[in-house]
Amino acid sequence: EITPTGAVVTLGGKNGAGKSSVLNAIELALAGLRDAPPVPVR
């Protein structure tokens, strides 16, 4: 759960921690399922 407070939201963490998944989740929600993985549920 993230409530942005500025114009830039920086996501940090190790590789595989889930940073890319957060961005991909936003894209899945807005852009639709054209590039969705076969199993989007964790």
PDB file of all heavy atoms in Angstrom:
ATOM      1  N   GLU A   1       0.861  -1.182   0.000  1.00  0.00           N
ATOM      2  CA  GLU A   1       0.000   0.000   0.000  1.00  0.00           C
ATOM      3  C   GLU A   1       0.898   1.233   0.000  1.00  0.00           C
ATOM      4  O   GLU A   1       1.738   1.392   0.883  1.00  0.00           O
ATOM      5  CB  GLU A   1      -0.922   0.004   1.220  1.00  0.00           C
ATOM      6  CG  GLU A   1      -1.941  -1.136   1.223  1.00  0.00           C
ATOM      7  CD  GLU A   1      -2.890  -1.066   2.409  1.00  0.00           C
ATOM      8  OE1 GLU A   1      -2.664  -0.214   3.292  1.00  0.00           O
ATOM      9  OE2 GLU A   1      -3.850  -1.856   2.446  1.00  0.00           O
ATOM     10  N   ILE A   2       0.706   2.070  -0.999  1.00  0.00           N
ATOM     11  CA  ILE A   2       1.573   3.250  -1.158  1.00  0.00           C
ATOM     12  C   ILE A   2       0.701   4.471  -1.397  1.00  0.00           C
ATOM     13  O   ILE A   2      -0.206   4.449  -2.240  1.00  0.00           O
ATOM     14  CB  ILE A   2       2.547   3.069  -2.341  1.00  0.00           C
ATOM     15  CG1 ILE A   2       3.473   1.864  -2.100  1.00  0.00           C
ATOM     16  CG2 ILE A   2       3.361   4.338  -2.567  1.00  0.00           C
ATOM     17  CD1 ILE A   2       4.370   1.543  -3.287  1.00  0.00           C
ATOM     18  N   THR A   3       0.990   5.516  -0.646  1.00  0.00           N
ATOM     19  CA  THR A   3       0.341   6.807  -0.856  1.00  0.00           C
ATOM     20  C   THR A   3       1.427   7.807  -1.250  1.00  0.00           C
ATOM     21  O   THR A   3       2.162   8.318  -0.401  1.00  0.00           O
ATOM     22  CB  THR A   3      -0.375   7.291   0.417  1.00  0.00           C
ATOM     23  OG1 THR A   3      -1.335   6.300   0.822  1.00  0.00           O
ATOM     24  CG2 THR A   3      -1.088   8.617   0.165  1.00  0.00           C
ATOM     25  N   PRO A   4       1.603   8.059  -2.556  1.00  0.00           N
ATOM     26  CA  PRO A   4       2.674   8.950  -3.002  1.00  0.00           C
ATOM     27  C   PRO A   4       2.538  10.343  -2.414  1.00  0.00           C
ATOM     28  O   PRO A   4       1.420  10.863  -2.239  1.00  0.00           O
ATOM     29  CB  PRO A   4       2.506   8.974  -4.523  1.00  0.00           C
ATOM     30  CG  PRO A   4       1.769   7.709  -4.840  1.00  0.00           C
ATOM     31  CD  PRO A   4       0.847   7.496  -3.678  1.00  0.00           C
ATOM     32  N   THR A   5       3.683  10.941  -2.094  1.00  0.00           N
ATOM     33  CA  THR A   5       3.684  12.295  -1.515  1.00  0.00           C
ATOM     34  C   THR A   5       4.389  13.313  -2.397  1.00  0.00           C
ATOM     35  O   THR A   5       4.453  14.480  -2.044  1.00  0.00           O
ATOM     36  CB  THR A   5       4.375  12.262  -0.141  1.00  0.00           C
ATOM     37  OG1 THR A   5       5.715  11.757  -0.301  1.00  0.00           O
ATOM     38  CG2 THR A   5       3.607  11.380   0.827  1.00  0.00           C
ATOM     39  N   GLY A   6       4.941  12.879  -3.520  1.00  0.00           N
ATOM     40  CA  GLY A   6       5.657  13.806  -4.388  1.00  0.00           C
ATOM     41  C   GLY A   6       5.535  13.387  -5.843  1.00  0.00           C
ATOM     42  O   GLY A   6       4.822  12.438  -6.186  1.00  0.00           O
ATOM     43  N   ALA A   7       6.257  14.100  -6.671  1.00  0.00           N
ATOM     44  CA  ALA A   7       6.200  13.819  -8.103  1.00  0.00           C
ATOM     45  C   ALA A   7       6.986  12.573  -8.476  1.00  0.00           C
ATOM     46  O   ALA A   7       6.778  12.002  -9.546  1.00  0.00           O
ATOM     47  CB  ALA A   7       6.735  15.015  -8.898  1.00  0.00           C
ATOM     48  N   VAL A   8       7.910  12.139  -7.607  1.00  0.00           N
ATOM     49  CA  VAL A   8       8.729  10.960  -7.871  1.00  0.00           C
ATOM     50  C   VAL A   8       8.497   9.939  -6.771  1.00  0.00           C
ATOM     51  O   VAL A   8       8.548  10.273  -5.575  1.00  0.00           O
ATOM     52  CB  VAL A   8      10.223  11.315  -7.964  1.00  0.00           C
ATOM     53  CG1 VAL A   8      11.072  10.047  -8.102  1.00  0.00           C
ATOM     54  CG2 VAL A   8      10.472  12.250  -9.142  1.00  0.00           C
ATOM     55  N   VAL A   9       8.247   8.694  -7.186  1.00  0.00           N
ATOM     56  CA  VAL A   9       8.103   7.583  -6.242  1.00  0.00           C
ATOM     57  C   VAL A   9       9.222   6.603  -6.551  1.00  0.00           C
ATOM     58  O   VAL A   9       9.247   6.000  -7.627  1.00  0.00           O
ATOM     59  CB  VAL A   9       6.737   6.892  -6.373  1.00  0.00           C
ATOM     60  CG1 VAL A   9       6.620   5.748  -5.371  1.00  0.00           C
ATOM     61  CG2 VAL A   9       5.606   7.896  -6.202  1.00  0.00           C
ATOM     62  N   THR A  10      10.166   6.458  -5.625  1.00  0.00           N
ATOM     63  CA  THR A  10      11.312   5.574  -5.833  1.00  0.00           C
ATOM     64  C   THR A  10      11.075   4.264  -5.101  1.00  0.00           C
ATOM     65  O   THR A  10      10.845   4.255  -3.886  1.00  0.00           O
ATOM     66  CB  THR A  10      12.611   6.222  -5.336  1.00  0.00           C
ATOM     67  OG1 THR A  10      12.800   7.475  -6.010  1.00  0.00           O
ATOM     68  CG2 THR A  10      13.792   5.321  -5.607  1.00  0.00           C
ATOM     69  N   LEU A  11      11.145   3.160  -5.848  1.00  0.00           N
ATOM     70  CA  LEU A  11      10.994   1.823  -5.278  1.00  0.00           C
ATOM     71  C   LEU A  11      12.373   1.179  -5.209  1.00  0.00           C
ATOM     72  O   LEU A  11      13.030   0.981  -6.232  1.00  0.00           O
ATOM     73  CB  LEU A  11      10.058   0.967  -6.133  1.00  0.00           C
ATOM     74  CG  LEU A  11       8.634   1.497  -6.338  1.00  0.00           C
ATOM     75  CD1 LEU A  11       7.843   0.532  -7.220  1.00  0.00           C
ATOM     76  CD2 LEU A  11       7.937   1.675  -4.993  1.00  0.00           C
ATOM     77  N   GLY A  12      12.821   0.875  -3.987  1.00  0.00           N
ATOM     78  CA  GLY A  12      14.123   0.242  -3.814  1.00  0.00           C
ATOM     79  C   GLY A  12      13.959  -1.196  -3.354  1.00  0.00           C
ATOM     80  O   GLY A  12      12.869  -1.668  -3.034  1.00  0.00           O
ATOM     81  N   GLY A  13      15.094  -1.898  -3.308  1.00  0.00           N
ATOM     82  CA  GLY A  13      15.068  -3.282  -2.858  1.00  0.00           C
ATOM     83  C   GLY A  13      15.925  -4.156  -3.735  1.00  0.00           C
ATOM     84  O   GLY A  13      16.328  -3.778  -4.842  1.00  0.00           O
ATOM     85  N   LYS A  14      16.219  -5.350  -3.234  1.00  0.00           N
ATOM     86  CA  LYS A  14      17.062  -6.276  -3.969  1.00  0.00           C
ATOM     87  C   LYS A  14      16.331  -6.813  -5.193  1.00  0.00           C
ATOM     88  O   LYS A  14      15.102  -6.734  -5.294  1.00  0.00           O
ATOM     89  CB  LYS A  14      17.474  -7.427  -3.059  1.00  0.00           C
ATOM     90  CG  LYS A  14      18.310  -7.001  -1.851  1.00  0.00           C
ATOM     91  CD  LYS A  14      18.669  -8.207  -0.996  1.00  0.00           C
ATOM     92  CE  LYS A  14      19.499  -7.792   0.219  1.00  0.00           C
ATOM     93  NZ  LYS A  14      19.839  -8.961   1.082  1.00  0.00           N
ATOM     94  N   ASN A  15      17.110  -7.405  -6.092  1.00  0.00           N
ATOM     95  CA  ASN A  15      16.514  -8.061  -7.247  1.00  0.00           C
ATOM     96  C   ASN A  15      15.615  -9.201  -6.770  1.00  0.00           C
ATOM     97  O   ASN A  15      15.992  -9.994  -5.901  1.00  0.00           O
ATOM     98  CB  ASN A  15      17.594  -8.610  -8.176  1.00  0.00           C
ATOM     99  CG  ASN A  15      18.375  -7.501  -8.848  1.00  0.00           C
ATOM    100  OD1 ASN A  15      17.861  -6.390  -9.022  1.00  0.00           O
ATOM    101  ND2 ASN A  15      19.614  -7.774  -9.232  1.00  0.00           N
ATOM    102  N   GLY A  16      14.413  -9.292  -7.365  1.00  0.00           N
ATOM    103  CA  GLY A  16      13.475 -10.340  -6.989  1.00  0.00           C
ATOM    104  C   GLY A  16      12.624 -10.002  -5.786  1.00  0.00           C
ATOM    105  O   GLY A  16      11.793 -10.822  -5.370  1.00  0.00           O
ATOM    106  N   ALA A  17      12.803  -8.805  -5.218  1.00  0.00           N
ATOM    107  CA  ALA A  17      12.047  -8.444  -4.012  1.00  0.00           C
ATOM    108  C   ALA A  17      10.596  -8.088  -4.336  1.00  0.00           C
ATOM    109  O   ALA A  17       9.728  -8.172  -3.469  1.00  0.00           O
ATOM    110  CB  ALA A  17      12.717  -7.276  -3.299  1.00  0.00           C
ATOM    111  N   GLY A  18      10.336  -7.659  -5.574  1.00  0.00           N
ATOM    112  CA  GLY A  18       8.970  -7.304  -5.944  1.00  0.00           C
ATOM    113  C   GLY A  18       8.810  -5.905  -6.494  1.00  0.00           C
ATOM    114  O   GLY A  18       7.677  -5.460  -6.725  1.00  0.00           O
ATOM    115  N   LYS A  19       9.940  -5.183  -6.720  1.00  0.00           N
ATOM    116  CA  LYS A  19       9.842  -3.809  -7.256  1.00  0.00           C
ATOM    117  C   LYS A  19       9.152  -3.811  -8.618  1.00  0.00           C
ATOM    118  O   LYS A  19       8.207  -3.034  -8.849  1.00  0.00           O
ATOM    119  CB  LYS A  19      11.253  -3.195  -7.390  1.00  0.00           C
ATOM    120  CG  LYS A  19      12.070  -3.171  -6.133  1.00  0.00           C
ATOM    121  CD  LYS A  19      13.377  -2.448  -6.349  1.00  0.00           C
ATOM    122  CE  LYS A  19      14.234  -3.072  -7.450  1.00  0.00           C
ATOM    123  NZ  LYS A  19      14.635  -4.462  -7.147  1.00  0.00           N
ATOM    124  N   SER A  20       9.643  -4.666  -9.500  1.00  0.00           N
ATOM    125  CA  SER A  20       9.055  -4.719 -10.844  1.00  0.00           C
ATOM    126  C   SER A  20       7.604  -5.163 -10.787  1.00  0.00           C
ATOM    127  O   SER A  20       6.771  -4.705 -11.585  1.00  0.00           O
ATOM    128  CB  SER A  20       9.856  -5.680 -11.733  1.00  0.00           C
ATOM    129  OG  SER A  20      11.177  -5.230 -11.902  1.00  0.00           O
ATOM    130  N   SER A  21       7.281  -6.050  -9.838  1.00  0.00           N
ATOM    131  CA  SER A  21       5.894  -6.522  -9.739  1.00  0.00           C
ATOM    132  C   SER A  21       4.939  -5.393  -9.382  1.00  0.00           C
ATOM    133  O   SER A  21       3.774  -5.384  -9.811  1.00  0.00           O
ATOM    134  CB  SER A  21       5.796  -7.639  -8.695  1.00  0.00           C
ATOM    135  OG  SER A  21       6.487  -8.804  -9.125  1.00  0.00           O
ATOM    136  N   VAL A  22       5.401  -4.427  -8.554  1.00  0.00           N
ATOM    137  CA  VAL A  22       4.546  -3.286  -8.220  1.00  0.00           C
ATOM    138  C   VAL A  22       4.210  -2.491  -9.480  1.00  0.00           C
ATOM    139  O   VAL A  22       3.047  -2.162  -9.737  1.00  0.00           O
ATOM    140  CB  VAL A  22       5.234  -2.375  -7.175  1.00  0.00           C
ATOM    141  CG1 VAL A  22       4.405  -1.101  -6.958  1.00  0.00           C
ATOM    142  CG2 VAL A  22       5.410  -3.118  -5.859  1.00  0.00           C
ATOM    143  N   LEU A  23       5.244  -2.181 -10.290  1.00  0.00           N
ATOM    144  CA  LEU A  23       5.004  -1.435 -11.533  1.00  0.00           C
ATOM    145  C   LEU A  23       4.163  -2.249 -12.509  1.00  0.00           C
ATOM    146  O   LEU A  23       3.265  -1.716 -13.172  1.00  0.00           O
ATOM    147  CB  LEU A  23       6.336  -1.045 -12.179  1.00  0.00           C
ATOM    148  CG  LEU A  23       7.279  -0.180 -11.336  1.00  0.00           C
ATOM    149  CD1 LEU A  23       8.496   0.236 -12.152  1.00  0.00           C
ATOM    150  CD2 LEU A  23       6.555   1.049 -10.802  1.00  0.00           C
ATOM    151  N   ASN A  24       4.459  -3.546 -12.615  1.00  0.00           N
ATOM    152  CA  ASN A  24       3.680  -4.397 -13.522  1.00  0.00           C
ATOM    153  C   ASN A  24       2.219  -4.478 -13.083  1.00  0.00           C
ATOM    154  O   ASN A  24       1.314  -4.567 -13.922  1.00  0.00           O
ATOM    155  CB  ASN A  24       4.283  -5.801 -13.584  1.00  0.00           C
ATOM    156  CG  ASN A  24       5.637  -5.819 -14.283  1.00  0.00           C
ATOM    157  OD1 ASN A  24       5.937  -4.906 -15.050  1.00  0.00           O
ATOM    158  ND2 ASN A  24       6.432  -6.829 -14.026  1.00  0.00           N
ATOM    159  N   ALA A  25       1.987  -4.471 -11.768  1.00  0.00           N
ATOM    160  CA  ALA A  25       0.606  -4.517 -11.265  1.00  0.00           C
ATOM    161  C   ALA A  25      -0.158  -3.262 -11.673  1.00  0.00           C
ATOM    162  O   ALA A  25      -1.340  -3.327 -12.058  1.00  0.00           O
ATOM    163  CB  ALA A  25       0.618  -4.671  -9.751  1.00  0.00           C
ATOM    164  N   ILE A  26       0.504  -2.103 -11.585  1.00  0.00           N
ATOM    165  CA  ILE A  26      -0.134  -0.859 -12.024  1.00  0.00           C
ATOM    166  C   ILE A  26      -0.483  -0.957 -13.516  1.00  0.00           C
ATOM    167  O   ILE A  26      -1.595  -0.605 -13.936  1.00  0.00           O
ATOM    168  CB  ILE A  26       0.784   0.351 -11.769  1.00  0.00           C
ATOM    169  CG1 ILE A  26       1.054   0.520 -10.268  1.00  0.00           C
ATOM    170  CG2 ILE A  26       0.173   1.622 -12.358  1.00  0.00           C
ATOM    171  CD1 ILE A  26       2.081   1.585  -9.948  1.00  0.00           C
ATOM    172  N   GLU A  27       0.469  -1.443 -14.298  1.00  0.00           N
ATOM    173  CA  GLU A  27       0.238  -1.550 -15.742  1.00  0.00           C
ATOM    174  C   GLU A  27      -0.878  -2.545 -16.044  1.00  0.00           C
ATOM    175  O   GLU A  27      -1.702  -2.310 -16.942  1.00  0.00           O
ATOM    176  CB  GLU A  27       1.533  -1.964 -16.447  1.00  0.00           C
ATOM    177  CG  GLU A  27       1.453  -1.848 -17.956  1.00  0.00           C
ATOM    178  CD  GLU A  27       2.818  -1.925 -18.617  1.00  0.00           C
ATOM    179  OE1 GLU A  27       3.829  -2.024 -17.894  1.00  0.00           O
ATOM    180  OE2 GLU A  27       2.851  -1.892 -19.850  1.00  0.00           O
ATOM    181  N   LEU A  28      -0.922  -3.666 -15.316  1.00  0.00           N
ATOM    182  CA  LEU A  28      -2.003  -4.633 -15.511  1.00  0.00           C
ATOM    183  C   LEU A  28      -3.363  -3.993 -15.205  1.00  0.00           C
ATOM    184  O   LEU A  28      -4.346  -4.224 -15.919  1.00  0.00           O
ATOM    185  CB  LEU A  28      -1.804  -5.849 -14.612  1.00  0.00           C
ATOM    186  CG  LEU A  28      -0.784  -6.892 -15.048  1.00  0.00           C
ATOM    187  CD1 LEU A  28      -0.623  -7.966 -13.985  1.00  0.00           C
ATOM    188  CD2 LEU A  28      -1.205  -7.515 -16.363  1.00  0.00           C
ATOM    189  N   ALA A  29      -3.410  -3.207 -14.161  1.00  0.00           N
ATOM    190  CA  ALA A  29      -4.682  -2.592 -13.776  1.00  0.00           C
ATOM    191  C   ALA A  29      -5.164  -1.599 -14.820  1.00  0.00           C
ATOM    192  O   ALA A  29      -6.357  -1.551 -15.146  1.00  0.00           O
ATOM    193  CB  ALA A  29      -4.531  -1.899 -12.420  1.00  0.00           C
ATOM    194  N   LEU A  30      -4.248  -0.798 -15.371  1.00  0.00           N
ATOM    195  CA  LEU A  30      -4.648   0.276 -16.270  1.00  0.00           C
ATOM    196  C   LEU A  30      -4.660  -0.133 -17.738  1.00  0.00           C
ATOM    197  O   LEU A  30      -5.567   0.243 -18.482  1.00  0.00           O
ATOM    198  CB  LEU A  30      -3.712   1.476 -16.087  1.00  0.00           C
ATOM    199  CG  LEU A  30      -3.676   2.097 -14.685  1.00  0.00           C
ATOM    200  CD1 LEU A  30      -2.711   3.268 -14.650  1.00  0.00           C
ATOM    201  CD2 LEU A  30      -5.062   2.536 -14.244  1.00  0.00           C
ATOM    202  N   ALA A  31      -3.649  -0.892 -18.156  1.00  0.00           N
ATOM    203  CA  ALA A  31      -3.507  -1.204 -19.587  1.00  0.00           C
ATOM    204  C   ALA A  31      -4.254  -2.450 -20.001  1.00  0.00           C
ATOM    205  O   ALA A  31      -4.468  -2.681 -21.191  1.00  0.00           O
ATOM    206  CB  ALA A  31      -2.026  -1.346 -19.946  1.00  0.00           C
ATOM    207  N   GLY A  32      -4.632  -3.290 -19.047  1.00  0.00           N
ATOM    208  CA  GLY A  32      -5.358  -4.486 -19.425  1.00  0.00           C
ATOM    209  C   GLY A  32      -4.454  -5.702 -19.492  1.00  0.00           C
ATOM    210  O   GLY A  32      -3.303  -5.687 -19.039  1.00  0.00           O
ATOM    211  N   LEU A  33      -4.957  -6.757 -20.080  1.00  0.00           N
ATOM    212  CA  LEU A  33      -4.303  -8.062 -20.000  1.00  0.00           C
ATOM    213  C   LEU A  33      -3.556  -8.431 -21.280  1.00  0.00           C
ATOM    214  O   LEU A  33      -3.228  -9.603 -21.490  1.00  0.00           O
ATOM    215  CB  LEU A  33      -5.368  -9.142 -19.709  1.00  0.00           C
ATOM    216  CG  LEU A  33      -6.217  -8.907 -18.454  1.00  0.00           C
ATOM    217  CD1 LEU A  33      -7.216 -10.030 -18.285  1.00  0.00           C
ATOM    218  CD2 LEU A  33      -5.328  -8.796 -17.218  1.00  0.00           C
ATOM    219  N   ARG A  34      -3.271  -7.461 -22.141  1.00  0.00           N
ATOM    220  CA  ARG A  34      -2.590  -7.800 -23.390  1.00  0.00           C
ATOM    221  C   ARG A  34      -1.237  -8.447 -23.143  1.00  0.00           C
ATOM    222  O   ARG A  34      -0.841  -9.369 -23.845  1.00  0.00           O
ATOM    223  CB  ARG A  34      -2.414  -6.535 -24.246  1.00  0.00           C
ATOM    224  CG  ARG A  34      -3.705  -6.087 -24.925  1.00  0.00           C
ATOM    225  CD  ARG A  34      -3.518  -4.760 -25.622  1.00  0.00           C
ATOM    226  NE  ARG A  34      -3.315  -3.679 -24.657  1.00  0.00           N
ATOM    227  CZ  ARG A  34      -3.192  -2.397 -24.992  1.00  0.00           C
ATOM    228  NH1 ARG A  34      -3.227  -2.047 -26.262  1.00  0.00           N
ATOM    229  NH2 ARG A  34      -3.037  -1.470 -24.058  1.00  0.00           N
ATOM    230  N   ASP A  35      -0.508  -7.974 -22.152  1.00  0.00           N
ATOM    231  CA  ASP A  35       0.808  -8.526 -21.842  1.00  0.00           C
ATOM    232  C   ASP A  35       0.834  -9.218 -20.486  1.00  0.00           C
ATOM    233  O   ASP A  35       1.905  -9.379 -19.884  1.00  0.00           O
ATOM    234  CB  ASP A  35       1.865  -7.403 -21.868  1.00  0.00           C
ATOM    235  CG  ASP A  35       1.957  -6.748 -23.234  1.00  0.00           C
ATOM    236  OD1 ASP A  35       1.811  -7.462 -24.228  1.00  0.00           O
ATOM    237  OD2 ASP A  35       2.156  -5.521 -23.285  1.00  0.00           O
ATOM    238  N   ALA A  36      -0.325  -9.610 -19.999  1.00  0.00           N
ATOM    239  CA  ALA A  36      -0.392 -10.226 -18.676  1.00  0.00           C
ATOM    240  C   ALA A  36       0.226 -11.624 -18.707  1.00  0.00           C
ATOM    241  O   ALA A  36       0.112 -12.345 -19.698  1.00  0.00           O
ATOM    242  CB  ALA A  36      -1.846 -10.326 -18.219  1.00  0.00           C
ATOM    243  N   PRO A  37       0.899 -12.020 -17.618  1.00  0.00           N
ATOM    244  CA  PRO A  37       1.418 -13.379 -17.542  1.00  0.00           C
ATOM    245  C   PRO A  37       0.265 -14.376 -17.441  1.00  0.00           C
ATOM    246  O   PRO A  37      -0.863 -14.000 -17.076  1.00  0.00           O
ATOM    247  CB  PRO A  37       2.272 -13.358 -16.270  1.00  0.00           C
ATOM    248  CG  PRO A  37       1.675 -12.277 -15.438  1.00  0.00           C
ATOM    249  CD  PRO A  37       1.194 -11.237 -16.405  1.00  0.00           C
ATOM    250  N   PRO A  38       0.527 -15.649 -17.717  1.00  0.00           N
ATOM    251  CA  PRO A  38      -0.560 -16.635 -17.655  1.00  0.00           C
ATOM    252  C   PRO A  38      -1.214 -16.733 -16.271  1.00  0.00           C
ATOM    253  O   PRO A  38      -2.421 -16.958 -16.166  1.00  0.00           O
ATOM    254  CB  PRO A  38       0.140 -17.946 -18.038  1.00  0.00           C
ATOM    255  CG  PRO A  38       1.353 -17.526 -18.803  1.00  0.00           C
ATOM    256  CD  PRO A  38       1.778 -16.228 -18.207  1.00  0.00           C
ATOM    257  N   VAL A  39      -0.394 -16.563 -15.220  1.00  0.00           N
ATOM    258  CA  VAL A  39      -0.921 -16.661 -13.857  1.00  0.00           C
ATOM    259  C   VAL A  39      -0.515 -15.396 -13.101  1.00  0.00           C
ATOM    260  O   VAL A  39       0.556 -15.341 -12.485  1.00  0.00           O
ATOM    261  CB  VAL A  39      -0.392 -17.913 -13.129  1.00  0.00           C
ATOM    262  CG1 VAL A  39      -1.039 -18.030 -11.742  1.00  0.00           C
ATOM    263  CG2 VAL A  39      -0.660 -19.165 -13.944  1.00  0.00           C
ATOM    264  N   PRO A  40      -1.346 -14.348 -13.119  1.00  0.00           N
ATOM    265  CA  PRO A  40      -0.978 -13.109 -12.422  1.00  0.00           C
ATOM    266  C   PRO A  40      -1.125 -13.186 -10.904  1.00  0.00           C
ATOM    267  O   PRO A  40      -0.555 -12.366 -10.181  1.00  0.00           O
ATOM    268  CB  PRO A  40      -1.935 -12.072 -13.017  1.00  0.00           C
ATOM    269  CG  PRO A  40      -3.104 -12.860 -13.494  1.00  0.00           C
ATOM    270  CD  PRO A  40      -2.576 -14.190 -13.906  1.00  0.00           C
ATOM    271  N   VAL A  41      -1.892 -14.159 -10.392  1.00  0.00           N
ATOM    272  CA  VAL A  41      -2.092 -14.278  -8.943  1.00  0.00           C
ATOM    273  C   VAL A  41      -0.832 -14.866  -8.300  1.00  0.00           C
ATOM    274  O   VAL A  41      -0.210 -15.790  -8.826  1.00  0.00           O
ATOM    275  CB  VAL A  41      -3.313 -15.168  -8.636  1.00  0.00           C
ATOM    276  CG1 VAL A  41      -3.502 -15.317  -7.123  1.00  0.00           C
ATOM    277  CG2 VAL A  41      -4.570 -14.586  -9.279  1.00  0.00           C
ATOM    278  N   ARG A  42      -0.441 -14.273  -7.138  1.00  0.00           N
ATOM    279  CA  ARG A  42       0.754 -14.748  -6.429  1.00  0.00           C
ATOM    280  C   ARG A  42       0.590 -16.222  -6.051  1.00  0.00           C
ATOM    281  O   ARG A  42      -0.496 -16.685  -5.695  1.00  0.00           O
ATOM    282  CB  ARG A  42       0.981 -13.901  -5.171  1.00  0.00           C
ATOM    283  CG  ARG A  42       2.276 -14.232  -4.428  1.00  0.00           C
ATOM    284  CD  ARG A  42       2.476 -13.263  -3.265  1.00  0.00           C
ATOM    285  NE  ARG A  42       1.417 -13.420  -2.260  1.00  0.00           N
ATOM    286  CZ  ARG A  42       1.497 -14.305  -1.247  1.00  0.00           C
ATOM    287  NH1 ARG A  42       2.545 -15.106  -1.123  1.00  0.00           N
ATOM    288  NH2 ARG A  42       0.507 -14.367  -0.372  1.00  0.00           N
TER     289      ARG A  42
END
